[in-house]
Structure formats: C-alpha cells, structure tokens
Amino acid sequence: MISVILFFILGLVVLVLGADLLVRGASRLATAFGVSPLVIGLTIVAIGTASPEIAVSLKSAASGQGDLTLGNVLGSNIFNILFVLGITSIITPIIIAEQIIRKDAPIVLGVSLLSLALALDGKLGWLDGALLLVGLVAYTFFVLRQSRAENRAVQNEFAQEFGKTGTPSAKGIITNIGFIVAGLGLLVIGSDWLVKSAVRIAKFLGVSELVIGLTIVAAGTSLPEVATSVIAALKKESDIAVGNAVGSNIFNLLGVLGIAALVAPDGVTVATRVMQFDLPVMIFVALVTLPIFYIDNRISRTEGGLLLAYYILYVTCVVLRAVQSSTFTTAAVFAAIFVPLTFITLVVKAIKSSRKF
C-alpha cells in the first residue's frame, strides 16, 4: 500500500509540474506573438491551471470511472472557492473587481445550475457534454470581448504578471514549444499514475471512488490554482487571485465535465447521493459568493477563515457520509451550520459596510 500512496503523490507532483511547464510555455509563446497579457491570464492560464483536472477526468472517464471524474470536478469547484479563496484572503484581504461581481460570479452560479439541470436524469451524456462545450466557447468569446474594455490598471496588473509583448526569436519559440510538449507529456503520465493509484486507495480504504475524487484528488489537482492565487495575493494582484479561482470553476464545469461526458463510453453517471448533497453544496457555495463579493467589494481575513472552516466542514461531512452511508444526515449537519453562520456573517458585513457611508 505504501507504494500505491507514493505513486499517488508522485502522480500529483508530475501533474503540477506538467501544468507549470504548459502554462509557462504557452504564456511566453503567446506573449512573444503579441497576445495581450490580460487575454493570456484569462484564457491560457485559466486552462493551464485546470489542465490537471482535464487530464485526470479524461483518463478516469475513458476508463469507465465516472465517479472519480464527477468527484474531481465538483470537489475542485468547492475547493477553489472555499479553500483557495479562503487561504488567499487570510494571507491578505482580497479586493473583488467589479467585473467578477457583476459578470463572472453570476456566470459560475448559472453554469452550476445548468449542470444540475443536465444531471437530473442521472447521467451526463454526449449531448449534455456538447452543450457544455458550446457554453465554454461562448464564455471564451465573452471573456475575450470583455478584455478589450478593461481599464489601464487591470491591463498593467496582468502585464506585470505575465510579461509584455515582444519580438519572438527562433530559440525562444523552440524552447517554449518544448515546454508545452513536455508539460502535456507529464500531464498524461501524471494523470495515469494518479487515477490508477486513487482507485486502489479507494478499494483499500473501502470507500467509493467518488469520495476519493471529492477530497484527495480534487485537492491535489487544484494545487496549481492554490499556487497561482496565493502568489498573486502576495503580490497584491487581486484580479488574478480571484479571477483564477472563479475562471477555473467555470472551465471545470463547461470544459472538463463537457469533455468527460463526450469521452466516457456510456456517459458520466450522476449518483443519487451527488444530487442530494455535493451538487447542492457546490451551488450553495456559488450562491453565497455573490453577497460576500458584492457587500464591500472585498473578502476580509475573517471571511476567509469562515470559507476555510466551511471547507473543513464539507470534507468532514463527506467522510461521515462514507462511514455512515447517510446522505440526509450529513446534509442536515452541513445546512444546520452553513446557513445560519452565513446569514450572521452577511448581516454583520452589511452593517459594517453601511457605517462607512
């Protein structure tokens, strides 16, 4: 069993390294050919940081492990908001850009509700996958169009992070293509090791692949988002920190889940327990971000701590459900703590905000 755990950890390391090489090569190549740093940040980096989820979901879907696929996507989305934004805002309070409040955060909620609607029949088939991918194309065009209207401060922030355009050299082009190829290769290898070892760990522990996907695999494949957001927060680049987490959630549902539904031989089966607990939690998390983002346009350290506490509560509920096999009990525990605590937090936040005016 020790060798299986080592393969799992090694698979995560290879995945993260592959994602880093892919993002580095693609970003520098795009920059060299005159692509706006803002566009690079909103598209290439968002896709690159989600590449571990893509690789793992494709591998697990093609292998018929639909629970692992679904758990990876849902768990990653919950992790990105509760853990990534939580830990990032604890490091430094995050200022929320107006575009994220008015457009991106509502899109996350809308896409989450769409995923729920498509999953009501208990399966995500090729038609559902095609619809999600069409949504991804539409969202990408929307992002590219919106980038033209961004103010100078946002443009400079992304230019500082991802570099300014320049004249491409033959050596630079070849080097960056090499980074891209190497990154893709590592993603393939890492996903293979991760999926195989995750399945064996689930069997050894006597829990479902869904539980492993929602927790360990989801957290592991989201490591690039953690690194990107934390580094951006330390540099006081709030737009990148929040945009990375929010953009990755949209891409996970539209792109990763859409591709997985097309690749899976019989579609991605959505278990009843997912419909009763995990999907609603993901939607509640997306819903709660709207007032948290809107009131005062920031996430304080206290609110970051609350988000992190929610994630710990969610993982605890997932583990309890695996042990007790009772979805309704864990859902009741989560709701009994989540709902009143969120309400109190929002009321206090609104009062503090009103006193500033």
Protein backbone atom coordinates (compact mmCIF):
# COMPACT_ATOMS: atom_id res chain seq x y z
CA MET A 1 0.00 0.00 0.00
CA ILE A 2 2.93 2.33 0.68
CA SER A 3 4.00 2.02 -2.97
CA VAL A 4 0.46 2.97 -4.10
CA ILE A 5 0.49 6.09 -1.91
CA LEU A 6 3.92 7.03 -3.25
CA PHE A 7 2.63 6.65 -6.82
CA PHE A 8 -0.33 8.86 -5.93
CA ILE A 9 1.94 11.58 -4.53
CA LEU A 10 4.32 11.22 -7.47
CA GLY A 11 1.38 11.49 -9.85
CA LEU A 12 0.32 14.77 -8.19
CA VAL A 13 3.86 16.15 -8.41
CA VAL A 14 4.12 15.22 -12.09
CA LEU A 15 0.69 16.76 -12.78
CA VAL A 16 1.59 20.06 -11.11
CA LEU A 17 4.98 20.17 -12.86
CA GLY A 18 3.30 19.46 -16.20
CA ALA A 19 0.75 22.22 -15.64
CA ASP A 20 3.52 24.67 -14.74
CA LEU A 21 5.51 23.87 -17.89
CA LEU A 22 2.38 24.10 -20.03
CA VAL A 23 1.37 27.50 -18.60
CA ARG A 24 4.92 28.85 -18.81
CA GLY A 25 5.47 27.75 -22.40
CA ALA A 26 2.04 28.78 -23.69
CA SER A 27 2.10 32.16 -21.90
CA ARG A 28 5.56 33.09 -23.17
CA LEU A 29 4.76 31.92 -26.69
CA ALA A 30 1.53 33.93 -26.76
CA THR A 31 3.30 36.98 -25.32
CA ALA A 32 6.05 36.76 -27.94
CA PHE A 33 3.44 36.84 -30.72
CA GLY A 34 1.72 39.93 -29.34
CA VAL A 35 -1.21 38.42 -27.44
CA SER A 36 -2.45 40.71 -24.65
CA PRO A 37 -1.24 39.68 -21.16
CA LEU A 38 -4.82 40.13 -19.93
CA VAL A 39 -6.11 37.67 -22.53
CA ILE A 40 -3.31 35.25 -21.61
CA GLY A 41 -4.29 35.43 -17.94
CA LEU A 42 -8.00 34.95 -18.60
CA THR A 43 -7.64 32.11 -21.10
CA ILE A 44 -4.28 30.29 -21.30
CA VAL A 45 -3.51 30.45 -17.59
CA ALA A 46 -7.09 29.52 -16.63
CA ILE A 47 -6.95 26.50 -18.94
CA GLY A 48 -3.41 25.64 -17.88
CA THR A 49 -4.19 25.64 -14.15
CA ALA A 50 -7.24 23.45 -14.89
CA SER A 51 -5.18 21.04 -17.00
CA PRO A 52 -4.67 18.55 -14.11
CA GLU A 53 -8.46 18.28 -13.77
CA ILE A 54 -8.74 17.79 -17.54
CA ALA A 55 -6.08 15.08 -17.62
CA VAL A 56 -7.48 13.18 -14.63
CA SER A 57 -11.09 13.47 -15.79
CA LEU A 58 -10.27 12.33 -19.32
CA LYS A 59 -8.31 9.34 -18.03
CA SER A 60 -10.95 8.31 -15.49
CA ALA A 61 -13.87 8.88 -17.90
CA ALA A 62 -12.23 6.85 -20.66
CA SER A 63 -11.52 4.09 -18.13
CA GLY A 64 -15.14 3.99 -17.01
CA GLN A 65 -14.51 5.55 -13.57
CA GLY A 66 -17.27 8.14 -13.82
CA ASP A 67 -17.49 8.67 -10.04
CA LEU A 68 -13.86 9.73 -9.95
CA THR A 69 -14.47 12.13 -12.85
CA LEU A 70 -17.51 13.75 -11.26
CA GLY A 71 -15.94 13.86 -7.82
CA ASN A 72 -12.85 15.55 -9.23
CA VAL A 73 -14.87 18.32 -10.93
CA LEU A 74 -17.33 19.01 -8.10
CA GLY A 75 -14.68 18.68 -5.41
CA SER A 76 -12.33 21.02 -7.28
CA ASN A 77 -15.02 23.69 -7.64
CA ILE A 78 -15.86 23.56 -3.93
CA PHE A 79 -12.13 23.56 -3.10
CA ASN A 80 -11.40 26.56 -5.36
CA ILE A 81 -13.90 28.83 -3.59
CA LEU A 82 -13.77 27.64 0.00
CA PHE A 83 -10.10 26.66 0.33
CA VAL A 84 -8.26 28.69 -2.34
CA LEU A 85 -10.09 31.99 -1.76
CA GLY A 86 -10.22 31.27 1.96
CA ILE A 87 -6.49 30.72 2.41
CA THR A 88 -5.67 33.54 -0.04
CA SER A 89 -7.77 36.14 1.80
CA ILE A 90 -6.32 35.03 5.15
CA ILE A 91 -2.88 35.91 3.77
CA THR A 92 -4.13 39.30 2.64
CA PRO A 93 -7.68 40.71 2.26
CA ILE A 94 -8.81 40.47 -1.37
CA ILE A 95 -10.41 43.29 -3.33
CA ILE A 96 -13.07 41.99 -5.72
CA ALA A 97 -13.14 43.55 -9.21
CA GLU A 98 -16.44 44.91 -10.48
CA GLN A 99 -16.46 42.55 -13.48
CA ILE A 100 -16.24 39.49 -11.22
CA ILE A 101 -19.14 40.75 -9.08
CA ARG A 102 -21.42 41.67 -11.98
CA LYS A 103 -20.49 39.00 -14.53
CA ASP A 104 -18.14 36.16 -13.63
CA ALA A 105 -19.61 35.21 -10.23
CA PRO A 106 -23.19 35.12 -11.61
CA ILE A 107 -21.91 33.03 -14.55
CA VAL A 108 -20.44 30.49 -12.08
CA LEU A 109 -23.85 30.22 -10.40
CA GLY A 110 -25.64 29.94 -13.75
CA VAL A 111 -23.31 27.23 -15.03
CA SER A 112 -23.67 25.34 -11.73
CA LEU A 113 -27.47 25.41 -12.07
CA LEU A 114 -27.16 24.28 -15.69
CA SER A 115 -25.05 21.31 -14.58
CA LEU A 116 -27.71 20.39 -12.03
CA ALA A 117 -30.45 20.59 -14.67
CA LEU A 118 -28.50 18.37 -17.09
CA ALA A 119 -27.82 15.84 -14.31
CA LEU A 120 -31.47 15.46 -13.24
CA ASP A 121 -31.87 12.33 -15.36
CA GLY A 122 -28.95 10.70 -13.55
CA LYS A 123 -26.45 10.85 -16.39
CA LEU A 124 -24.41 13.32 -18.42
CA GLY A 125 -24.40 12.00 -21.99
CA TRP A 126 -22.71 13.16 -25.18
CA LEU A 127 -25.48 15.69 -25.89
CA ASP A 128 -25.03 17.22 -22.42
CA GLY A 129 -21.28 17.30 -22.98
CA ALA A 130 -21.69 19.03 -26.34
CA LEU A 131 -23.98 21.64 -24.77
CA LEU A 132 -21.45 22.35 -22.02
CA LEU A 133 -18.64 22.73 -24.58
CA VAL A 134 -20.75 25.14 -26.63
CA GLY A 135 -21.14 27.13 -23.42
CA LEU A 136 -17.36 27.10 -22.99
CA VAL A 137 -16.81 28.50 -26.48
CA ALA A 138 -19.41 31.22 -25.83
CA TYR A 139 -17.79 32.10 -22.49
CA THR A 140 -14.33 32.30 -24.06
CA PHE A 141 -15.56 34.74 -26.71
CA PHE A 142 -17.27 36.71 -23.95
CA VAL A 143 -14.03 36.93 -21.95
CA LEU A 144 -12.01 38.00 -24.99
CA ARG A 145 -14.54 40.68 -25.81
CA GLN A 146 -14.65 41.95 -22.23
CA SER A 147 -10.85 42.14 -22.07
CA ARG A 148 -10.92 44.98 -24.58
CA ALA A 149 -12.90 47.10 -22.14
CA GLU A 150 -10.64 46.54 -19.12
CA ASN A 151 -9.14 49.65 -17.58
CA ARG A 152 -5.44 50.51 -17.65
CA ALA A 153 -4.84 49.36 -14.05
CA VAL A 154 -6.07 45.84 -14.78
CA GLN A 155 -4.11 45.69 -18.04
CA ASN A 156 -0.92 46.72 -16.21
CA GLU A 157 -1.53 44.17 -13.44
CA PHE A 158 -1.74 41.30 -15.91
CA ALA A 159 1.19 42.67 -17.95
CA GLN A 160 3.35 42.71 -14.81
CA GLU A 161 2.42 39.10 -14.01
CA PHE A 162 2.58 37.53 -17.48
CA GLY A 163 5.04 39.80 -19.30
CA LYS A 164 4.79 42.31 -22.09
CA THR A 165 4.72 41.59 -25.79
CA GLY A 166 7.99 41.46 -27.69
CA THR A 167 9.73 40.22 -30.81
CA PRO A 168 9.80 36.40 -30.95
CA SER A 169 13.15 34.70 -31.51
CA ALA A 170 13.61 31.26 -33.08
CA LYS A 171 15.33 29.96 -29.95
CA GLY A 172 12.57 31.28 -27.70
CA ILE A 173 9.84 29.77 -29.88
CA ILE A 174 11.50 26.33 -29.92
CA THR A 175 12.12 26.44 -26.16
CA ASN A 176 8.52 27.35 -25.34
CA ILE A 177 7.15 24.71 -27.72
CA GLY A 178 9.38 22.26 -25.87
CA PHE A 179 7.85 23.39 -22.56
CA ILE A 180 4.35 22.85 -23.96
CA VAL A 181 5.14 19.37 -25.30
CA ALA A 182 6.91 18.35 -22.08
CA GLY A 183 4.03 19.73 -20.00
CA LEU A 184 1.43 17.78 -21.96
CA GLY A 185 3.52 14.62 -21.69
CA LEU A 186 3.84 14.98 -17.92
CA LEU A 187 0.09 15.59 -17.62
CA VAL A 188 -0.62 12.32 -19.42
CA ILE A 189 1.82 10.36 -17.27
CA GLY A 190 0.76 12.02 -14.00
CA SER A 191 -2.96 11.50 -14.64
CA ASP A 192 -2.39 7.82 -15.38
CA TRP A 193 -0.50 7.29 -12.13
CA LEU A 194 -2.96 9.36 -10.13
CA VAL A 195 -6.13 7.65 -11.38
CA LYS A 196 -4.77 4.12 -11.01
CA SER A 197 -3.44 4.75 -7.50
CA ALA A 198 -6.64 6.60 -6.44
CA VAL A 199 -8.77 3.63 -7.46
CA ARG A 200 -6.54 1.25 -5.48
CA ILE A 201 -6.58 3.54 -2.43
CA ALA A 202 -10.39 3.68 -2.56
CA LYS A 203 -10.61 -0.12 -2.66
CA PHE A 204 -8.12 -0.48 0.19
CA LEU A 205 -9.99 2.00 2.42
CA GLY A 206 -13.35 0.54 1.49
CA VAL A 207 -14.76 3.86 0.28
CA SER A 208 -16.12 4.83 -3.11
CA GLU A 209 -14.11 6.43 -5.89
CA LEU A 210 -16.47 9.38 -5.55
CA VAL A 211 -15.22 10.11 -2.01
CA ILE A 212 -11.58 9.95 -3.15
CA GLY A 213 -12.40 12.20 -6.11
CA LEU A 214 -14.23 14.77 -3.96
CA THR A 215 -11.41 15.06 -1.45
CA ILE A 216 -7.86 13.89 -2.18
CA VAL A 217 -7.93 14.00 -5.98
CA ALA A 218 -9.85 17.31 -6.09
CA ALA A 219 -7.44 18.99 -3.68
CA GLY A 220 -4.41 17.55 -5.49
CA THR A 221 -5.45 18.61 -8.99
CA SER A 222 -6.29 22.11 -7.67
CA LEU A 223 -2.74 22.74 -6.45
CA PRO A 224 -1.94 24.98 -9.48
CA GLU A 225 -4.91 27.20 -8.54
CA VAL A 226 -3.63 27.37 -4.95
CA ALA A 227 -0.13 28.35 -6.05
CA THR A 228 -1.33 30.91 -8.62
CA SER A 229 -3.81 32.62 -6.28
CA VAL A 230 -1.52 32.70 -3.24
CA ILE A 231 1.40 34.15 -5.23
CA ALA A 232 -0.93 36.71 -6.84
CA ALA A 233 -2.30 37.70 -3.42
CA LEU A 234 1.22 38.17 -2.03
CA LYS A 235 1.94 40.47 -4.99
CA LYS A 236 -1.32 42.37 -4.27
CA GLU A 237 -2.73 41.24 -7.63
CA SER A 238 -6.32 40.66 -6.51
CA ASP A 239 -7.80 40.40 -10.01
CA ILE A 240 -5.53 37.47 -10.83
CA ALA A 241 -6.07 35.76 -7.46
CA VAL A 242 -9.88 35.83 -7.62
CA GLY A 243 -10.17 35.55 -11.41
CA ASN A 244 -8.06 32.39 -11.37
CA ALA A 245 -10.36 30.60 -8.89
CA VAL A 246 -13.62 31.82 -10.44
CA GLY A 247 -12.47 31.23 -14.03
CA SER A 248 -11.26 27.72 -13.20
CA ASN A 249 -14.68 26.83 -11.78
CA ILE A 250 -16.40 27.90 -14.99
CA PHE A 251 -13.89 25.97 -17.08
CA ASN A 252 -14.20 22.88 -14.87
CA LEU A 253 -17.95 22.62 -15.42
CA LEU A 254 -18.12 23.66 -19.07
CA GLY A 255 -14.82 22.24 -20.32
CA VAL A 256 -13.68 19.40 -18.07
CA LEU A 257 -17.14 17.96 -17.40
CA GLY A 258 -18.19 18.57 -21.01
CA ILE A 259 -15.18 16.73 -22.44
CA ALA A 260 -15.57 13.89 -19.91
CA ALA A 261 -19.23 13.42 -20.89
CA LEU A 262 -18.21 13.11 -24.54
CA VAL A 263 -15.30 10.75 -23.88
CA ALA A 264 -16.98 8.39 -21.39
CA PRO A 265 -18.26 5.30 -23.26
CA ASP A 266 -21.65 5.36 -21.52
CA GLY A 267 -21.66 8.93 -20.31
CA VAL A 268 -20.93 10.12 -16.77
CA THR A 269 -23.36 8.61 -14.27
CA VAL A 270 -24.53 11.01 -11.55
CA ALA A 271 -25.21 9.13 -8.32
CA THR A 272 -28.24 9.97 -6.18
CA ARG A 273 -26.02 10.99 -3.26
CA VAL A 274 -24.30 13.53 -5.53
CA MET A 275 -27.68 15.06 -6.46
CA GLN A 276 -28.70 15.16 -2.80
CA PHE A 277 -25.53 16.67 -1.33
CA ASP A 278 -22.44 17.50 -3.40
CA LEU A 279 -24.14 19.30 -6.29
CA PRO A 280 -26.32 21.39 -3.92
CA VAL A 281 -23.24 22.27 -1.84
CA MET A 282 -21.42 23.46 -4.97
CA ILE A 283 -24.45 25.57 -5.91
CA PHE A 284 -24.81 26.99 -2.38
CA VAL A 285 -21.13 27.93 -2.38
CA ALA A 286 -21.51 29.71 -5.74
CA LEU A 287 -24.64 31.46 -4.43
CA VAL A 288 -23.03 32.64 -1.20
CA THR A 289 -20.12 34.24 -3.07
CA LEU A 290 -22.49 36.78 -4.67
CA PRO A 291 -23.38 38.73 -1.49
CA ILE A 292 -19.90 38.19 0.00
CA PHE A 293 -18.34 39.69 -3.14
CA TYR A 294 -20.97 42.43 -3.53
CA ILE A 295 -21.03 43.81 0.02
CA ASP A 296 -17.93 45.97 0.48
CA ASN A 297 -16.26 44.53 -2.66
CA ARG A 298 -13.76 42.53 -0.63
CA ILE A 299 -13.07 39.33 1.29
CA SER A 300 -11.65 40.04 4.74
CA ARG A 301 -9.41 37.74 6.76
CA THR A 302 -12.37 36.82 8.95
CA GLU A 303 -14.46 35.85 5.94
CA GLY A 304 -11.50 33.93 4.53
CA GLY A 305 -11.30 32.00 7.78
CA LEU A 306 -15.03 31.28 7.52
CA LEU A 307 -14.64 29.94 3.97
CA LEU A 308 -11.78 27.72 5.09
CA ALA A 309 -13.88 26.46 8.02
CA TYR A 310 -16.69 25.64 5.58
CA TYR A 311 -14.30 23.51 3.55
CA ILE A 312 -13.20 21.60 6.63
CA LEU A 313 -16.88 21.09 7.48
CA TYR A 314 -17.62 19.85 3.96
CA VAL A 315 -14.76 17.33 3.97
CA THR A 316 -15.87 16.15 7.42
CA CYS A 317 -19.40 15.61 6.09
CA VAL A 318 -18.07 13.67 3.08
CA VAL A 319 -16.06 11.39 5.37
CA LEU A 320 -19.02 10.92 7.74
CA ARG A 321 -21.23 10.06 4.81
CA ALA A 322 -18.72 7.45 3.66
CA VAL A 323 -18.71 5.89 7.12
CA GLN A 324 -22.43 6.18 7.94
CA SER A 325 -23.80 5.89 4.39
CA SER A 326 -26.41 8.53 5.21
CA THR A 327 -26.62 11.46 2.82
CA PHE A 328 -29.51 13.18 4.56
CA THR A 329 -27.74 13.19 7.94
CA THR A 330 -24.59 14.82 6.57
CA ALA A 331 -26.63 17.28 4.50
CA ALA A 332 -28.60 18.27 7.61
CA VAL A 333 -25.39 18.79 9.61
CA PHE A 334 -23.87 20.92 6.86
CA ALA A 335 -27.03 23.01 6.40
CA ALA A 336 -27.52 23.47 10.16
CA ILE A 337 -24.08 25.09 10.45
CA PHE A 338 -23.63 26.62 6.99
CA VAL A 339 -26.92 28.53 6.63
CA PRO A 340 -27.19 30.40 9.98
CA LEU A 341 -23.45 31.16 10.13
CA THR A 342 -23.51 32.58 6.60
CA PHE A 343 -26.59 34.68 7.38
CA ILE A 344 -24.99 36.15 10.50
CA THR A 345 -21.77 36.89 8.61
CA LEU A 346 -23.56 38.67 5.78
CA VAL A 347 -25.65 40.76 8.21
CA VAL A 348 -22.55 41.84 10.14
CA LYS A 349 -20.71 42.58 6.88
CA ALA A 350 -23.64 44.66 5.60
CA ILE A 351 -23.83 46.66 8.85
CA LYS A 352 -20.09 47.39 8.82
CA SER A 353 -20.29 48.42 5.17
CA SER A 354 -23.25 50.77 5.77
CA ARG A 355 -21.37 52.54 8.58
CA LYS A 356 -18.68 53.61 6.13
CA PHE A 357 -21.15 55.81 4.26
